[in-house]
Protein backbone atom coordinates (compact mmCIF):
# COMPACT_ATOMS: atom_id res chain seq x y z
CA MET A 1 58.23 -77.93 32.74
CA SER A 2 61.00 -76.59 34.99
CA LYS A 3 64.49 -76.21 33.59
CA LYS A 4 66.87 -79.06 34.31
CA ARG A 5 69.72 -78.57 36.74
CA ILE A 6 72.84 -80.67 37.14
CA CYS A 7 75.81 -80.58 39.49
CA PHE A 8 79.53 -81.11 38.93
CA ILE A 9 81.38 -82.60 41.90
CA THR A 10 85.14 -82.75 42.36
CA LEU A 11 87.56 -83.48 45.19
CA SER A 12 89.98 -80.79 44.04
CA ASN A 13 90.13 -77.13 43.12
CA LEU A 14 88.58 -76.33 39.76
CA TYR A 15 91.79 -75.13 38.15
CA LEU A 16 93.00 -78.73 38.43
CA CYS A 17 89.96 -79.91 36.44
CA PRO A 18 90.26 -77.91 33.19
CA TYR A 19 88.29 -80.64 31.39
CA ILE A 20 85.10 -79.42 33.10
CA SER A 21 84.97 -76.74 30.39
CA LYS A 22 84.32 -79.42 27.75
CA TYR A 23 81.10 -80.37 29.54
CA ILE A 24 80.07 -76.77 30.22
CA SER A 25 80.39 -75.85 26.54
CA LEU A 26 77.91 -78.61 25.64
CA ILE A 27 75.13 -78.27 28.20
CA ASP A 28 72.13 -75.95 27.87
CA CYS A 29 70.86 -76.11 31.43
CA ASP A 30 71.72 -74.61 34.81
CA TYR A 31 74.54 -76.20 36.73
CA ASP A 32 76.01 -76.00 40.20
CA ILE A 33 79.50 -77.01 41.31
CA ILE A 34 80.54 -78.68 44.55
CA TYR A 35 84.32 -78.64 44.93
CA TRP A 36 86.92 -79.18 47.62
CA ASN A 37 88.66 -75.83 48.04
CA ARG A 38 92.01 -77.23 49.18
CA HIS A 39 94.06 -74.17 48.26
CA GLY A 40 91.82 -71.36 49.47
CA ILE A 41 90.97 -70.11 45.96
CA ASN A 42 87.53 -68.76 45.05
CA GLU A 43 86.42 -70.26 41.72
CA ASN A 44 83.16 -70.23 39.78
CA MET A 45 83.25 -71.44 36.13
CA GLY A 46 79.91 -69.76 35.41
CA ALA A 47 77.85 -71.94 37.74
CA LYS A 48 74.46 -70.85 39.08
CA GLU A 49 75.58 -71.78 42.57
CA VAL A 50 79.04 -72.77 43.79
CA PHE A 51 79.55 -74.79 46.96
CA PRO A 52 83.22 -74.70 47.99
CA PHE A 53 84.12 -77.12 50.75
CA ARG A 54 86.67 -75.03 52.63
CA TYR A 55 89.28 -77.36 54.08
CA GLU A 56 92.82 -76.46 53.08
CA MET A 57 95.08 -79.47 52.68
CA GLU A 58 98.33 -80.27 50.90
CA GLU A 59 99.40 -83.66 49.56
CA ASN A 60 101.92 -84.22 52.37
CA GLN A 61 99.33 -83.85 55.15
CA GLY A 62 99.05 -86.62 57.75
CA LYS A 63 96.57 -89.48 57.26
CA LEU A 64 94.21 -88.40 60.05
CA LYS A 65 93.76 -84.92 58.56
CA LYS A 66 93.18 -86.44 55.12
CA ILE A 67 90.61 -88.96 56.38
CA SER A 68 88.85 -86.24 58.37
CA GLY A 69 88.70 -84.11 55.23
CA TYR A 70 87.12 -86.86 53.14
CA VAL A 71 84.53 -87.66 55.82
CA LYS A 72 83.56 -83.99 56.14
CA PHE A 73 83.44 -83.47 52.35
CA ARG A 74 81.18 -86.51 51.96
CA LYS A 75 78.67 -85.12 54.49
CA TYR A 76 78.89 -81.66 52.92
CA ALA A 77 78.17 -82.97 49.39
CA ILE A 78 75.39 -85.35 50.49
CA ASP A 79 73.55 -82.57 52.31
CA ILE A 80 73.61 -80.39 49.17
CA ILE A 81 72.51 -83.25 46.87
CA LYS A 82 69.55 -84.01 49.14
CA LYS A 83 68.55 -80.36 49.39
CA LYS A 84 68.87 -79.47 45.69
CA ASP A 85 67.42 -82.66 44.22
CA TYR A 86 69.46 -82.47 40.99
CA ASP A 87 68.34 -84.02 37.72
CA GLY A 88 71.86 -85.32 37.11
CA VAL A 89 75.39 -85.27 38.48
CA ILE A 90 78.79 -85.32 36.74
CA LEU A 91 81.56 -86.76 38.88
CA LEU A 92 84.98 -85.42 37.89
CA GLN A 93 87.00 -88.26 39.45
CA THR A 94 86.42 -91.94 40.21
CA SER A 95 87.15 -91.41 43.91
CA VAL A 96 84.40 -88.82 44.43
CA GLY A 97 81.95 -91.34 42.97
CA ILE A 98 83.08 -94.02 45.42
CA LEU A 99 82.77 -91.55 48.28
CA LEU A 100 79.17 -90.69 47.32
CA GLN A 101 78.12 -94.10 46.03
CA LYS A 102 75.32 -94.66 48.54
CA ILE A 103 73.46 -91.42 47.79
CA LEU A 104 74.06 -91.88 44.03
CA LYS A 105 72.52 -95.34 44.12
CA LYS A 106 69.53 -94.13 46.15
CA LYS A 107 68.69 -90.88 44.31
CA LEU A 108 70.56 -90.78 40.99
CA SER A 109 70.99 -94.30 39.65
CA GLY A 110 71.40 -94.06 35.86
CA LYS A 111 71.51 -90.27 36.06
CA TYR A 112 75.18 -89.55 36.69
CA ILE A 113 78.34 -89.53 34.59
CA VAL A 114 81.68 -90.78 35.93
CA ASP A 115 84.77 -89.12 34.43
CA VAL A 116 87.88 -91.30 34.96
CA ARG A 117 91.08 -89.25 34.78
CA ASP A 118 93.58 -91.53 36.44
CA TYR A 119 94.33 -94.82 38.14
CA THR A 120 93.00 -94.77 41.69
CA MET A 121 93.21 -98.12 43.55
CA GLU A 122 91.61 -100.45 41.02
CA LYS A 123 94.11 -103.26 41.65
CA ASN A 124 92.57 -103.64 45.11
CA LYS A 125 89.76 -106.21 44.71
CA ILE A 126 87.35 -104.47 47.10
CA PHE A 127 87.91 -101.08 45.49
CA PHE A 128 87.58 -102.61 42.00
CA SER A 129 84.23 -104.07 43.00
CA LEU A 130 83.03 -100.64 44.16
CA VAL A 131 84.23 -99.05 40.92
CA LYS A 132 82.46 -101.72 38.85
CA ASN A 133 79.19 -101.08 40.67
CA LEU A 134 79.62 -97.30 40.31
CA ILE A 135 80.23 -97.57 36.56
CA ASN A 136 77.42 -100.06 35.90
CA LYS A 137 74.90 -97.76 37.59
CA SER A 138 76.09 -94.68 35.66
CA ALA A 139 74.39 -93.10 32.67
CA ASN A 140 77.82 -93.14 31.04
CA THR A 141 81.46 -93.41 32.06
CA VAL A 142 84.11 -91.34 30.32
CA ILE A 143 87.84 -92.08 30.07
CA SER A 144 90.60 -89.81 28.77
CA SER A 145 92.85 -92.70 27.72
CA LYS A 146 92.07 -96.11 26.24
CA GLY A 147 94.96 -97.34 28.35
CA TYR A 148 92.66 -97.10 31.38
CA LYS A 149 90.76 -100.13 30.10
CA SER A 150 93.72 -102.16 31.37
CA PHE A 151 92.64 -101.67 34.99
CA LEU A 152 88.92 -100.82 34.71
CA PRO A 153 85.97 -103.25 34.50
CA GLU A 154 84.65 -104.17 31.08
CA TYR A 155 82.26 -101.48 29.85
CA GLU A 156 81.46 -99.47 26.73
CA TYR A 157 83.41 -96.36 27.69
CA THR A 158 83.21 -92.99 25.96
CA ILE A 159 86.59 -91.49 25.08
CA VAL A 160 87.29 -87.78 25.52
CA HIS A 161 90.74 -86.40 24.84
CA ASN A 162 92.53 -83.94 27.10
CA ASP A 163 93.49 -81.87 24.06
CA ILE A 164 93.87 -78.14 23.63
CA LYS A 165 92.54 -75.74 21.03
CA ILE A 166 95.16 -74.29 18.68
CA ASP A 167 94.14 -72.13 15.74
CA LYS A 168 95.16 -72.94 12.15
CA ASP A 169 97.37 -69.87 11.74
CA THR A 170 99.46 -70.95 14.73
CA ILE A 171 99.82 -74.47 13.33
CA VAL A 172 100.98 -73.10 9.96
CA ARG A 173 103.48 -70.85 11.74
CA PHE A 174 104.93 -73.86 13.58
CA GLU A 175 105.12 -75.91 10.37
CA LYS A 176 107.22 -73.18 8.73
CA ARG A 177 109.77 -72.98 11.54
CA LYS A 178 113.44 -73.65 10.86
CA ARG A 179 114.26 -77.26 11.74
CA ASN A 180 117.27 -79.55 12.08
CA LYS A 181 119.33 -77.29 14.30
CA GLU A 182 122.83 -78.26 15.30
CA ARG A 183 121.69 -78.05 18.91
CA VAL A 184 118.34 -79.70 19.62
CA VAL A 185 116.19 -78.04 22.29
CA ILE A 186 114.13 -80.43 24.46
CA SER A 187 111.53 -78.70 26.66
CA TYR A 188 109.43 -79.81 29.62
CA ILE A 189 106.74 -77.11 29.73
CA GLY A 190 104.20 -77.06 32.56
CA LEU A 191 104.12 -77.97 36.25
CA ILE A 192 107.52 -79.58 36.93
CA ARG A 193 107.08 -82.91 38.72
CA PHE A 194 108.83 -86.29 38.97
CA ASN A 195 112.17 -84.74 39.90
CA ASP A 196 113.91 -88.04 40.66
CA GLN A 197 113.24 -89.00 37.05
CA ASN A 198 114.18 -85.52 35.80
CA LYS A 199 117.56 -85.76 37.54
CA ARG A 200 118.27 -89.09 35.85
CA VAL A 201 117.44 -87.55 32.49
CA ILE A 202 119.63 -84.50 33.16
CA LEU A 203 122.59 -86.73 34.00
CA LYS A 204 121.98 -88.73 30.82
CA PHE A 205 122.35 -85.57 28.70
CA LYS A 206 125.13 -84.00 30.79
CA ASP A 207 127.98 -82.53 28.71
CA ASP A 208 126.23 -83.47 25.45
CA ASP A 209 126.46 -80.21 23.48
CA ARG A 210 124.05 -81.53 20.86
CA PHE A 211 121.18 -80.92 23.28
CA LEU A 212 119.77 -78.19 25.50
CA LEU A 213 117.24 -79.30 28.12
CA ARG A 214 114.72 -76.73 29.34
CA PHE A 215 112.44 -77.13 32.36
CA ILE A 216 109.81 -74.39 32.18
CA GLY A 217 107.09 -74.04 34.79
CA LYS A 218 106.30 -73.96 38.48
CA GLY A 219 108.85 -76.07 40.34
CA ALA A 220 111.69 -75.67 37.83
CA ASN A 221 113.90 -73.90 40.35
CA SER A 222 113.81 -77.00 42.56
CA LEU A 223 116.34 -78.47 40.10
CA LYS A 224 118.77 -75.54 40.42
CA LYS A 225 120.90 -76.94 43.26
CA PHE A 226 121.14 -80.34 41.55
CA CYS A 227 122.39 -78.72 38.33
CA LEU A 228 124.93 -76.59 40.22
CA ASP A 229 126.19 -79.52 42.31
CA ASN A 230 126.69 -81.62 39.18
CA ASN A 231 128.17 -78.88 36.99
CA ILE A 232 125.36 -79.15 34.45
CA ALA A 233 125.88 -76.63 31.64
CA ASN A 234 123.19 -77.64 29.14
CA VAL A 235 120.04 -77.13 31.23
CA ASP A 236 117.90 -73.96 31.39
CA LEU A 237 115.43 -73.46 34.25
CA ILE A 238 112.49 -71.06 33.97
CA ASP A 239 110.03 -71.14 36.86
CA ARG A 240 106.35 -70.09 36.94
CA PHE A 241 105.20 -68.28 33.79
CA PRO A 242 101.91 -66.76 32.52
CA PRO A 243 99.84 -69.33 30.55
CA GLU A 244 99.70 -67.06 27.49
CA LYS A 245 103.45 -67.63 27.00
CA THR A 246 103.02 -71.41 26.59
CA LEU A 247 103.04 -71.40 22.78
CA GLU A 248 105.97 -69.00 22.74
CA TYR A 249 108.04 -71.51 24.70
CA TYR A 250 106.93 -74.34 22.41
CA TYR A 251 107.95 -72.27 19.37
CA ASP A 252 111.54 -72.23 20.67
CA THR A 253 111.44 -76.00 21.23
CA ASP A 254 112.47 -78.83 18.91
CA ILE A 255 111.35 -81.88 20.92
CA ILE A 256 108.69 -82.10 23.63
CA TYR A 257 109.77 -83.75 26.89
CA ASN A 258 107.44 -86.41 28.30
CA LEU A 259 109.90 -88.61 30.20
CA TYR A 260 107.94 -88.91 33.43
CA GLY A 261 108.87 -92.53 34.15
CA ASN A 262 107.17 -95.93 33.96
CA ASN A 263 106.28 -99.09 35.86
CA SER A 264 103.72 -97.20 37.94
CA PRO A 265 99.92 -97.29 37.42
CA LEU A 266 99.88 -93.49 37.62
CA LEU A 267 102.27 -93.23 34.65
CA ASP A 268 101.76 -96.31 32.52
CA TYR A 269 98.20 -95.78 31.24
CA ALA A 270 97.60 -92.02 30.93
CA LEU A 271 97.85 -89.81 27.85
CA SER A 272 99.63 -86.56 28.71
CA ASN A 273 98.42 -83.23 27.36
CA LYS A 274 101.95 -82.96 25.90
CA LEU A 275 100.85 -85.58 23.35
CA TYR A 276 98.26 -83.18 21.94
CA TYR A 277 100.68 -80.26 21.82
CA ALA A 278 103.07 -82.52 19.88
CA ALA A 279 100.48 -83.65 17.34
CA LYS A 280 98.87 -80.23 16.80
CA LEU A 281 102.14 -78.28 16.65
CA ARG A 282 103.79 -80.97 14.46
CA MET A 283 106.58 -81.63 16.95
CA PRO A 284 108.24 -84.91 17.99
CA ILE A 285 107.79 -86.02 21.58
CA ILE A 286 110.06 -88.27 23.64
CA VAL A 287 108.36 -90.83 25.88
CA CYS A 288 109.29 -93.64 28.23
CA PRO A 289 109.15 -97.31 27.19
CA ASP A 290 106.42 -99.65 28.47
CA THR A 291 103.76 -96.94 28.65
CA TYR A 292 100.54 -96.29 26.75
CA MET A 293 102.19 -93.07 25.54
CA GLU A 294 104.75 -95.27 23.78
CA GLU A 295 101.98 -97.32 22.19
CA VAL A 296 100.20 -94.28 20.78
CA CYS A 297 103.33 -92.43 19.65
CA THR A 298 104.77 -95.42 17.83
CA GLN A 299 101.40 -96.34 16.30
CA PHE A 300 101.03 -92.87 14.77
CA GLY A 301 104.72 -92.21 14.24
CA PHE A 302 105.44 -88.83 15.84
CA GLY A 303 107.26 -89.94 19.00
CA PHE A 304 110.61 -91.34 20.04
CA VAL A 305 110.95 -93.93 22.81
CA PHE A 306 113.86 -92.85 24.99
CA ASN A 307 115.28 -95.64 27.16
CA LEU A 308 117.52 -94.28 29.91
CA GLN A 309 119.22 -97.67 30.16
CA ASP A 310 120.38 -97.56 26.54
CA LYS A 311 123.92 -96.13 26.30
CA ASN A 312 123.26 -94.97 22.74
CA ALA A 313 119.91 -93.29 23.51
CA CYS A 314 121.14 -89.70 23.08
CA THR A 315 122.89 -90.40 19.78
CA ASP A 316 119.88 -92.34 18.49
CA LEU A 317 117.61 -89.43 19.43
CA PHE A 318 119.85 -86.88 17.70
CA ASN A 319 120.01 -88.99 14.54
CA TYR A 320 116.25 -89.55 14.65
CA TYR A 321 115.56 -85.82 14.78
CA GLN A 322 117.98 -84.96 12.00
CA SER A 323 116.51 -87.61 9.69
CA ILE A 324 112.80 -86.66 10.04
CA ASN A 325 110.95 -86.20 6.76
CA TRP A 326 108.80 -83.28 7.88
CA SER A 327 106.18 -83.61 5.17
CA ILE A 328 105.48 -87.23 6.13
CA PHE A 329 105.79 -86.39 9.82
CA GLU A 330 103.09 -83.71 9.54
CA GLN A 331 100.75 -86.18 7.82
CA LYS A 332 101.19 -88.60 10.73
CA CYS A 333 100.33 -85.84 13.20
CA GLN A 334 97.24 -84.93 11.18
CA ARG A 335 96.08 -88.55 11.24
CA PHE A 336 96.17 -88.60 15.04
CA VAL A 337 94.45 -85.20 15.33
CA LYS A 338 91.67 -86.46 13.05
CA LEU A 339 91.09 -89.47 15.33
CA VAL A 340 90.99 -87.17 18.38
CA GLU A 341 88.39 -84.96 16.72
CA GLU A 342 86.23 -87.94 15.78
CA GLU A 343 86.31 -89.42 19.29
CA ASN A 344 85.64 -86.04 20.87
CA GLU A 345 82.58 -85.66 18.64
CA VAL A 346 81.18 -88.93 20.00
CA PHE A 347 81.69 -87.52 23.51
CA ASN A 348 79.93 -84.28 22.52
CA ASP A 349 76.90 -86.20 21.27
CA MET A 350 76.80 -88.33 24.42
CA VAL A 351 76.74 -85.31 26.75
CA LYS A 352 73.97 -83.61 24.79
CA LYS A 353 71.85 -86.79 24.82
CA TYR A 354 72.52 -87.24 28.55
CA ILE A 355 71.17 -83.74 29.32
CA TYR A 356 68.13 -84.37 27.11
CA LYS A 357 67.26 -87.70 28.77
CA ILE A 358 67.68 -86.96 32.48
């Protein structure tokens, strides 16, 4: 019997799909990768064969160039699927599944996994119908947030968390840190986005010496002019940094920043990777109201809902931080981490069974 071979397919560069490593760590067969090389980066991830669709494109490209790119990628991927005759396919976004739905239905019905990582256009009735058909014909559909059930068709989804691995020694080191500082450091660590929202937050904390805001990551310097123009003294900006310094920056942080905004399908249902840093490093996280992040953080008790419209929000946050019972707080974090581990184990079993059955 010949060895099974599967294919991962994504509409983005691989570095934007770090969750592919969760699948790779669980499979014991050969795999290929078809990916849209939008940024001209050669990537591999240990695949037997890699098929980069070379068509550089940024998010602000015109519609015609975007449409042309999708049409060309579809043909490129279909040709490879026909030629290689894969035993199974793992689709790393909903949209790539919609794009390839015809060939999936014809050759791979019941033999592909859909991995849903975000809202796409599910509120559109036609698109929702296509998504429903795609999911119903899948071997399994995975979601990274239960909040996605709000816009997806009814289905028995498998949950997989976008968490990170942190060793026990590091967790103990964070638990022993000095707390309750007179000046509370709030850090946004990672790719800096949502700058309209960030500017509103900066103005909210302006001249409040109880807090220092830090924006650390690619794009941080885009806030420099705004801070200068508004005489902001309690904001630090650190642009692109090596990934190995991530925990170092968290160690110098008191509260994790997750104030991306709300009232948008792209923000209301997702669980940020900041949530997992908060729970594993035993750190409070501030989130926006009316989001699934709020629901999870309040349910488990390691987050603070920061409402920009509340005139007392900064004082309430400062008082909240100073009054934390850290022993109880750490137990709440552990309870969430335990749930994450249990749900991830269900995902692990599903992937192994999928490979065995196809």
